[in-house]
Amino acid sequence: MFIGHEKGRSTDEKILHNFGMSQPEGYRKACRLMELAERFSMPIVTLVDTPGAYPGIDSEERGQSEAIAHNLRVMSSSKLPL
């Protein structure tokens, strides 16, 4: 299972993809994919080349810190190679 994040190349693409900054929904989607990979015994490859989580107040209101913490918990308890 490959898990990555699109950030764009041109300025228009970067604006469209929020300059590669993840939002809570993206972290939750990645978590679902990791749990799916665990269920089917698929190794997980993650590609990280982003500036980090989106720092906006709306992301915090939607539970960004909880989503990141949940991802870390799932990754650390995974029996699959990451």
PDB file of N, CA and C in Angstrom:
ATOM      1  N   MET A   1       0.854  -1.160   0.000  1.00  0.00           N
ATOM      2  CA  MET A   1       0.000   0.000   0.000  1.00  0.00           C
ATOM      3  C   MET A   1       0.906   1.229   0.000  1.00  0.00           C
ATOM      4  N   PHE A   2       0.745   2.071  -0.980  1.00  0.00           N
ATOM      5  CA  PHE A   2       1.472   3.336  -1.035  1.00  0.00           C
ATOM      6  C   PHE A   2       0.573   4.441  -0.496  1.00  0.00           C
ATOM      7  N   ILE A   3       1.100   5.225   0.420  1.00  0.00           N
ATOM      8  CA  ILE A   3       0.352   6.348   0.983  1.00  0.00           C
ATOM      9  C   ILE A   3       1.199   7.599   0.798  1.00  0.00           C
ATOM     10  N   GLY A   4       0.666   8.574   0.110  1.00  0.00           N
ATOM     11  CA  GLY A   4       1.391   9.817  -0.130  1.00  0.00           C
ATOM     12  C   GLY A   4       0.436  10.999  -0.110  1.00  0.00           C
ATOM     13  N   HIS A   5       0.997  12.154  -0.378  1.00  0.00           N
ATOM     14  CA  HIS A   5       0.199  13.376  -0.347  1.00  0.00           C
ATOM     15  C   HIS A   5       0.619  14.233  -1.527  1.00  0.00           C
ATOM     16  N   GLU A   6      -0.346  14.646  -2.324  1.00  0.00           N
ATOM     17  CA  GLU A   6      -0.060  15.472  -3.489  1.00  0.00           C
ATOM     18  C   GLU A   6       0.096  16.924  -3.064  1.00  0.00           C
ATOM     19  N   LYS A   7       1.144  17.569  -3.572  1.00  0.00           N
ATOM     20  CA  LYS A   7       1.315  18.974  -3.208  1.00  0.00           C
ATOM     21  C   LYS A   7       1.402  19.902  -4.410  1.00  0.00           C
ATOM     22  N   GLY A   8       1.503  19.382  -5.615  1.00  0.00           N
ATOM     23  CA  GLY A   8       1.515  20.212  -6.811  1.00  0.00           C
ATOM     24  C   GLY A   8       2.897  20.712  -7.184  1.00  0.00           C
ATOM     25  N   ARG A   9       3.020  21.151  -8.438  1.00  0.00           N
ATOM     26  CA  ARG A   9       4.299  21.669  -8.936  1.00  0.00           C
ATOM     27  C   ARG A   9       4.219  23.154  -9.278  1.00  0.00           C
ATOM     28  N   SER A  10       3.194  23.535 -10.023  1.00  0.00           N
ATOM     29  CA  SER A  10       3.043  24.949 -10.369  1.00  0.00           C
ATOM     30  C   SER A  10       2.338  25.674  -9.226  1.00  0.00           C
ATOM     31  N   THR A  11       2.352  26.986  -9.279  1.00  0.00           N
ATOM     32  CA  THR A  11       1.702  27.777  -8.230  1.00  0.00           C
ATOM     33  C   THR A  11       0.213  27.469  -8.146  1.00  0.00           C
ATOM     34  N   ASP A  12      -0.442  27.351  -9.301  1.00  0.00           N
ATOM     35  CA  ASP A  12      -1.876  27.044  -9.298  1.00  0.00           C
ATOM     36  C   ASP A  12      -2.150  25.682  -8.669  1.00  0.00           C
ATOM     37  N   GLU A  13      -1.311  24.682  -8.994  1.00  0.00           N
ATOM     38  CA  GLU A  13      -1.484  23.352  -8.408  1.00  0.00           C
ATOM     39  C   GLU A  13      -1.214  23.377  -6.908  1.00  0.00           C
ATOM     40  N   LYS A  14      -0.211  24.131  -6.494  1.00  0.00           N
ATOM     41  CA  LYS A  14       0.111  24.213  -5.064  1.00  0.00           C
ATOM     42  C   LYS A  14      -1.037  24.848  -4.280  1.00  0.00           C
ATOM     43  N   ILE A  15      -1.635  25.878  -4.832  1.00  0.00           N
ATOM     44  CA  ILE A  15      -2.783  26.512  -4.181  1.00  0.00           C
ATOM     45  C   ILE A  15      -3.944  25.523  -4.105  1.00  0.00           C
ATOM     46  N   LEU A  16      -4.180  24.787  -5.200  1.00  0.00           N
ATOM     47  CA  LEU A  16      -5.257  23.805  -5.242  1.00  0.00           C
ATOM     48  C   LEU A  16      -5.063  22.715  -4.190  1.00  0.00           C
ATOM     49  N   HIS A  17      -3.809  22.318  -3.960  1.00  0.00           N
ATOM     50  CA  HIS A  17      -3.502  21.236  -3.014  1.00  0.00           C
ATOM     51  C   HIS A  17      -3.015  21.760  -1.664  1.00  0.00           C
ATOM     52  N   ASN A  18      -3.305  23.014  -1.361  1.00  0.00           N
ATOM     53  CA  ASN A  18      -3.004  23.598  -0.050  1.00  0.00           C
ATOM     54  C   ASN A  18      -1.512  23.540   0.280  1.00  0.00           C
ATOM     55  N   PHE A  19      -0.690  23.680  -0.733  1.00  0.00           N
ATOM     56  CA  PHE A  19       0.769  23.673  -0.586  1.00  0.00           C
ATOM     57  C   PHE A  19       1.282  22.405   0.097  1.00  0.00           C
ATOM     58  N   GLY A  20       0.534  21.315  -0.026  1.00  0.00           N
ATOM     59  CA  GLY A  20       0.962  20.038   0.541  1.00  0.00           C
ATOM     60  C   GLY A  20       0.710  19.878   2.026  1.00  0.00           C
ATOM     61  N   MET A  21       0.015  20.822   2.642  1.00  0.00           N
ATOM     62  CA  MET A  21      -0.249  20.727   4.080  1.00  0.00           C
ATOM     63  C   MET A  21      -1.490  19.867   4.315  1.00  0.00           C
ATOM     64  N   SER A  22      -1.320  18.833   5.109  1.00  0.00           N
ATOM     65  CA  SER A  22      -2.415  17.900   5.387  1.00  0.00           C
ATOM     66  C   SER A  22      -3.447  18.512   6.317  1.00  0.00           C
ATOM     67  N   GLN A  23      -4.681  18.081   6.121  1.00  0.00           N
ATOM     68  CA  GLN A  23      -5.776  18.486   6.999  1.00  0.00           C
ATOM     69  C   GLN A  23      -6.291  17.239   7.711  1.00  0.00           C
ATOM     70  N   PRO A  24      -7.126  17.380   8.719  1.00  0.00           N
ATOM     71  CA  PRO A  24      -7.567  16.223   9.507  1.00  0.00           C
ATOM     72  C   PRO A  24      -8.170  15.092   8.666  1.00  0.00           C
ATOM     73  N   GLU A  25      -8.916  15.454   7.657  1.00  0.00           N
ATOM     74  CA  GLU A  25      -9.536  14.431   6.816  1.00  0.00           C
ATOM     75  C   GLU A  25      -8.485  13.582   6.105  1.00  0.00           C
ATOM     76  N   GLY A  26      -7.391  14.190   5.709  1.00  0.00           N
ATOM     77  CA  GLY A  26      -6.307  13.448   5.066  1.00  0.00           C
ATOM     78  C   GLY A  26      -5.638  12.469   6.013  1.00  0.00           C
ATOM     79  N   TYR A  27      -5.444  12.888   7.259  1.00  0.00           N
ATOM     80  CA  TYR A  27      -4.863  11.985   8.257  1.00  0.00           C
ATOM     81  C   TYR A  27      -5.807  10.820   8.534  1.00  0.00           C
ATOM     82  N   ARG A  28      -7.093  11.091   8.579  1.00  0.00           N
ATOM     83  CA  ARG A  28      -8.056  10.009   8.829  1.00  0.00           C
ATOM     84  C   ARG A  28      -8.107   9.037   7.656  1.00  0.00           C
ATOM     85  N   LYS A  29      -7.994   9.556   6.440  1.00  0.00           N
ATOM     86  CA  LYS A  29      -7.974   8.688   5.268  1.00  0.00           C
ATOM     87  C   LYS A  29      -6.726   7.809   5.284  1.00  0.00           C
ATOM     88  N   ALA A  30      -5.579   8.382   5.615  1.00  0.00           N
ATOM     89  CA  ALA A  30      -4.343   7.603   5.701  1.00  0.00           C
ATOM     90  C   ALA A  30      -4.471   6.509   6.754  1.00  0.00           C
ATOM     91  N   CYS A  31      -5.119   6.812   7.858  1.00  0.00           N
ATOM     92  CA  CYS A  31      -5.318   5.830   8.925  1.00  0.00           C
ATOM     93  C   CYS A  31      -6.201   4.680   8.439  1.00  0.00           C
ATOM     94  N   ARG A  32      -7.265   5.003   7.726  1.00  0.00           N
ATOM     95  CA  ARG A  32      -8.129   3.947   7.181  1.00  0.00           C
ATOM     96  C   ARG A  32      -7.350   3.054   6.224  1.00  0.00           C
ATOM     97  N   LEU A  33      -6.488   3.654   5.401  1.00  0.00           N
ATOM     98  CA  LEU A  33      -5.684   2.868   4.466  1.00  0.00           C
ATOM     99  C   LEU A  33      -4.693   1.975   5.198  1.00  0.00           C
ATOM    100  N   MET A  34      -4.090   2.476   6.281  1.00  0.00           N
ATOM    101  CA  MET A  34      -3.158   1.652   7.058  1.00  0.00           C
ATOM    102  C   MET A  34      -3.884   0.485   7.716  1.00  0.00           C
ATOM    103  N   GLU A  35      -5.088   0.718   8.212  1.00  0.00           N
ATOM    104  CA  GLU A  35      -5.869  -0.363   8.816  1.00  0.00           C
ATOM    105  C   GLU A  35      -6.290  -1.382   7.765  1.00  0.00           C
ATOM    106  N   LEU A  36      -6.612  -0.919   6.563  1.00  0.00           N
ATOM    107  CA  LEU A  36      -6.948  -1.818   5.465  1.00  0.00           C
ATOM    108  C   LEU A  36      -5.737  -2.665   5.073  1.00  0.00           C
ATOM    109  N   ALA A  37      -4.578  -2.041   4.985  1.00  0.00           N
ATOM    110  CA  ALA A  37      -3.350  -2.770   4.657  1.00  0.00           C
ATOM    111  C   ALA A  37      -3.052  -3.823   5.715  1.00  0.00           C
ATOM    112  N   GLU A  38      -3.277  -3.490   6.970  1.00  0.00           N
ATOM    113  CA  GLU A  38      -3.067  -4.446   8.066  1.00  0.00           C
ATOM    114  C   GLU A  38      -4.004  -5.646   7.903  1.00  0.00           C
ATOM    115  N   ARG A  39      -5.243  -5.379   7.558  1.00  0.00           N
ATOM    116  CA  ARG A  39      -6.228  -6.448   7.400  1.00  0.00           C
ATOM    117  C   ARG A  39      -5.834  -7.425   6.290  1.00  0.00           C
ATOM    118  N   PHE A  40      -5.241  -6.900   5.199  1.00  0.00           N
ATOM    119  CA  PHE A  40      -4.875  -7.741   4.064  1.00  0.00           C
ATOM    120  C   PHE A  40      -3.382  -8.067   4.023  1.00  0.00           C
ATOM    121  N   SER A  41      -2.658  -7.782   5.084  1.00  0.00           N
ATOM    122  CA  SER A  41      -1.218  -8.071   5.207  1.00  0.00           C
ATOM    123  C   SER A  41      -0.400  -7.478   4.064  1.00  0.00           C
ATOM    124  N   MET A  42      -0.680  -6.245   3.731  1.00  0.00           N
ATOM    125  CA  MET A  42       0.055  -5.540   2.680  1.00  0.00           C
ATOM    126  C   MET A  42       1.066  -4.607   3.333  1.00  0.00           C
ATOM    127  N   PRO A  43       2.337  -4.642   2.909  1.00  0.00           N
ATOM    128  CA  PRO A  43       3.302  -3.698   3.480  1.00  0.00           C
ATOM    129  C   PRO A  43       2.916  -2.262   3.128  1.00  0.00           C
ATOM    130  N   ILE A  44       3.322  -1.325   3.969  1.00  0.00           N
ATOM    131  CA  ILE A  44       2.955   0.082   3.796  1.00  0.00           C
ATOM    132  C   ILE A  44       4.195   0.887   3.439  1.00  0.00           C
ATOM    133  N   VAL A  45       4.096   1.651   2.364  1.00  0.00           N
ATOM    134  CA  VAL A  45       5.155   2.574   1.957  1.00  0.00           C
ATOM    135  C   VAL A  45       4.577   3.979   2.036  1.00  0.00           C
ATOM    136  N   THR A  46       5.185   4.827   2.843  1.00  0.00           N
ATOM    137  CA  THR A  46       4.725   6.210   2.939  1.00  0.00           C
ATOM    138  C   THR A  46       5.776   7.131   2.344  1.00  0.00           C
ATOM    139  N   LEU A  47       5.332   8.120   1.634  1.00  0.00           N
ATOM    140  CA  LEU A  47       6.209   9.109   1.024  1.00  0.00           C
ATOM    141  C   LEU A  47       5.878  10.458   1.646  1.00  0.00           C
ATOM    142  N   VAL A  48       6.825  11.032   2.356  1.00  0.00           N
ATOM    143  CA  VAL A  48       6.573  12.285   3.062  1.00  0.00           C
ATOM    144  C   VAL A  48       7.538  13.351   2.553  1.00  0.00           C
ATOM    145  N   ASP A  49       6.996  14.358   1.902  1.00  0.00           N
ATOM    146  CA  ASP A  49       7.771  15.508   1.443  1.00  0.00           C
ATOM    147  C   ASP A  49       6.842  16.718   1.487  1.00  0.00           C
ATOM    148  N   THR A  50       6.357  17.026   2.669  1.00  0.00           N
ATOM    149  CA  THR A  50       5.396  18.108   2.828  1.00  0.00           C
ATOM    150  C   THR A  50       5.838  19.021   3.967  1.00  0.00           C
ATOM    151  N   PRO A  51       5.299  20.228   4.020  1.00  0.00           N
ATOM    152  CA  PRO A  51       5.664  21.138   5.109  1.00  0.00           C
ATOM    153  C   PRO A  51       5.023  20.780   6.444  1.00  0.00           C
ATOM    154  N   GLY A  52       4.124  19.799   6.479  1.00  0.00           N
ATOM    155  CA  GLY A  52       3.493  19.406   7.737  1.00  0.00           C
ATOM    156  C   GLY A  52       2.003  19.660   7.725  1.00  0.00           C
ATOM    157  N   ALA A  53       1.421  19.627   8.900  1.00  0.00           N
ATOM    158  CA  ALA A  53      -0.023  19.792   9.048  1.00  0.00           C
ATOM    159  C   ALA A  53      -0.431  21.246   8.814  1.00  0.00           C
ATOM    160  N   TYR A  54      -1.647  21.420   8.302  1.00  0.00           N
ATOM    161  CA  TYR A  54      -2.176  22.760   8.076  1.00  0.00           C
ATOM    162  C   TYR A  54      -2.432  23.435   9.426  1.00  0.00           C
ATOM    163  N   PRO A  55      -1.881  24.632   9.659  1.00  0.00           N
ATOM    164  CA  PRO A  55      -1.955  25.263  10.976  1.00  0.00           C
ATOM    165  C   PRO A  55      -3.201  26.111  11.236  1.00  0.00           C
ATOM    166  N   GLY A  56      -4.217  25.999  10.420  1.00  0.00           N
ATOM    167  CA  GLY A  56      -5.386  26.864  10.575  1.00  0.00           C
ATOM    168  C   GLY A  56      -6.284  26.471  11.734  1.00  0.00           C
ATOM    169  N   ILE A  57      -7.031  27.443  12.222  1.00  0.00           N
ATOM    170  CA  ILE A  57      -7.953  27.220  13.335  1.00  0.00           C
ATOM    171  C   ILE A  57      -9.041  26.227  12.941  1.00  0.00           C
ATOM    172  N   ASP A  58      -9.462  26.251  11.667  1.00  0.00           N
ATOM    173  CA  ASP A  58     -10.498  25.318  11.227  1.00  0.00           C
ATOM    174  C   ASP A  58     -10.017  23.872  11.293  1.00  0.00           C
ATOM    175  N   SER A  59      -8.735  23.638  11.029  1.00  0.00           N
ATOM    176  CA  SER A  59      -8.192  22.279  11.149  1.00  0.00           C
ATOM    177  C   SER A  59      -8.174  21.828  12.599  1.00  0.00           C
ATOM    178  N   GLU A  60      -7.837  22.726  13.492  1.00  0.00           N
ATOM    179  CA  GLU A  60      -7.838  22.379  14.917  1.00  0.00           C
ATOM    180  C   GLU A  60      -9.254  22.095  15.404  1.00  0.00           C
ATOM    181  N   GLU A  61     -10.216  22.849  14.899  1.00  0.00           N
ATOM    182  CA  GLU A  61     -11.606  22.618  15.292  1.00  0.00           C
ATOM    183  C   GLU A  61     -12.122  21.276  14.782  1.00  0.00           C
ATOM    184  N   ARG A  62     -11.561  20.792  13.676  1.00  0.00           N
ATOM    185  CA  ARG A  62     -11.961  19.504  13.111  1.00  0.00           C
ATOM    186  C   ARG A  62     -11.122  18.349  13.665  1.00  0.00           C
ATOM    187  N   GLY A  63     -10.307  18.596  14.678  1.00  0.00           N
ATOM    188  CA  GLY A  63      -9.604  17.529  15.384  1.00  0.00           C
ATOM    189  C   GLY A  63      -8.284  17.098  14.784  1.00  0.00           C
ATOM    190  N   GLN A  64      -7.496  18.054  14.321  1.00  0.00           N
ATOM    191  CA  GLN A  64      -6.219  17.726  13.700  1.00  0.00           C
ATOM    192  C   GLN A  64      -5.273  16.992  14.650  1.00  0.00           C
ATOM    193  N   SER A  65      -5.127  17.475  15.865  1.00  0.00           N
ATOM    194  CA  SER A  65      -4.175  16.853  16.793  1.00  0.00           C
ATOM    195  C   SER A  65      -4.592  15.422  17.125  1.00  0.00           C
ATOM    196  N   GLU A  66      -5.885  15.181  17.274  1.00  0.00           N
ATOM    197  CA  GLU A  66      -6.366  13.824  17.546  1.00  0.00           C
ATOM    198  C   GLU A  66      -6.104  12.916  16.354  1.00  0.00           C
ATOM    199  N   ALA A  67      -6.308  13.424  15.138  1.00  0.00           N
ATOM    200  CA  ALA A  67      -6.089  12.623  13.933  1.00  0.00           C
ATOM    201  C   ALA A  67      -4.614  12.250  13.787  1.00  0.00           C
ATOM    202  N   ILE A  68      -3.715  13.183  14.070  1.00  0.00           N
ATOM    203  CA  ILE A  68      -2.280  12.897  13.998  1.00  0.00           C
ATOM    204  C   ILE A  68      -1.904  11.868  15.063  1.00  0.00           C
ATOM    205  N   ALA A  69      -2.396  12.047  16.283  1.00  0.00           N
ATOM    206  CA  ALA A  69      -2.089  11.114  17.370  1.00  0.00           C
ATOM    207  C   ALA A  69      -2.604   9.713  17.049  1.00  0.00           C
ATOM    208  N   HIS A  70      -3.790   9.631  16.472  1.00  0.00           N
ATOM    209  CA  HIS A  70      -4.352   8.324  16.115  1.00  0.00           C
ATOM    210  C   HIS A  70      -3.495   7.648  15.049  1.00  0.00           C
ATOM    211  N   ASN A  71      -3.024   8.419  14.054  1.00  0.00           N
ATOM    212  CA  ASN A  71      -2.135   7.867  13.030  1.00  0.00           C
ATOM    213  C   ASN A  71      -0.860   7.324  13.646  1.00  0.00           C
ATOM    214  N   LEU A  72      -0.269   8.073  14.556  1.00  0.00           N
ATOM    215  CA  LEU A  72       0.961   7.614  15.201  1.00  0.00           C
ATOM    216  C   LEU A  72       0.719   6.335  15.992  1.00  0.00           C
ATOM    217  N   ARG A  73      -0.426   6.249  16.653  1.00  0.00           N
ATOM    218  CA  ARG A  73      -0.764   5.049  17.419  1.00  0.00           C
ATOM    219  C   ARG A  73      -0.930   3.847  16.489  1.00  0.00           C
ATOM    220  N   VAL A  74      -1.622   4.030  15.371  1.00  0.00           N
ATOM    221  CA  VAL A  74      -1.826   2.936  14.414  1.00  0.00           C
ATOM    222  C   VAL A  74      -0.496   2.501  13.813  1.00  0.00           C
ATOM    223  N   MET A  75       0.342   3.466  13.454  1.00  0.00           N
ATOM    224  CA  MET A  75       1.636   3.125  12.856  1.00  0.00           C
ATOM    225  C   MET A  75       2.542   2.405  13.853  1.00  0.00           C
ATOM    226  N   SER A  76       2.543   2.823  15.094  1.00  0.00           N
ATOM    227  CA  SER A  76       3.441   2.211  16.073  1.00  0.00           C
ATOM    228  C   SER A  76       2.975   0.823  16.501  1.00  0.00           C
ATOM    229  N   SER A  77       1.690   0.536  16.374  1.00  0.00           N
ATOM    230  CA  SER A  77       1.194  -0.785  16.761  1.00  0.00           C
ATOM    231  C   SER A  77       1.065  -1.739  15.576  1.00  0.00           C
ATOM    232  N   SER A  78       1.389  -1.280  14.375  1.00  0.00           N
ATOM    233  CA  SER A  78       1.271  -2.116  13.185  1.00  0.00           C
ATOM    234  C   SER A  78       2.304  -3.244  13.209  1.00  0.00           C
ATOM    235  N   LYS A  79       1.876  -4.412  12.775  1.00  0.00           N
ATOM    236  CA  LYS A  79       2.782  -5.549  12.685  1.00  0.00           C
ATOM    237  C   LYS A  79       3.402  -5.649  11.292  1.00  0.00           C
ATOM    238  N   LEU A  80       3.035  -4.736  10.426  1.00  0.00           N
ATOM    239  CA  LEU A  80       3.535  -4.731   9.056  1.00  0.00           C
ATOM    240  C   LEU A  80       4.788  -3.881   8.936  1.00  0.00           C
ATOM    241  N   PRO A  81       5.618  -4.170   7.917  1.00  0.00           N
ATOM    242  CA  PRO A  81       6.751  -3.268   7.666  1.00  0.00           C
ATOM    243  C   PRO A  81       6.242  -1.932   7.132  1.00  0.00           C
ATOM    244  N   LEU A  82       6.787  -0.860   7.661  1.00  0.00           N
ATOM    245  CA  LEU A  82       6.404   0.487   7.224  1.00  0.00           C
ATOM    246  C   LEU A  82       7.547   1.114   6.460  1.00  0.00           C
TER     247      LEU A  82
END
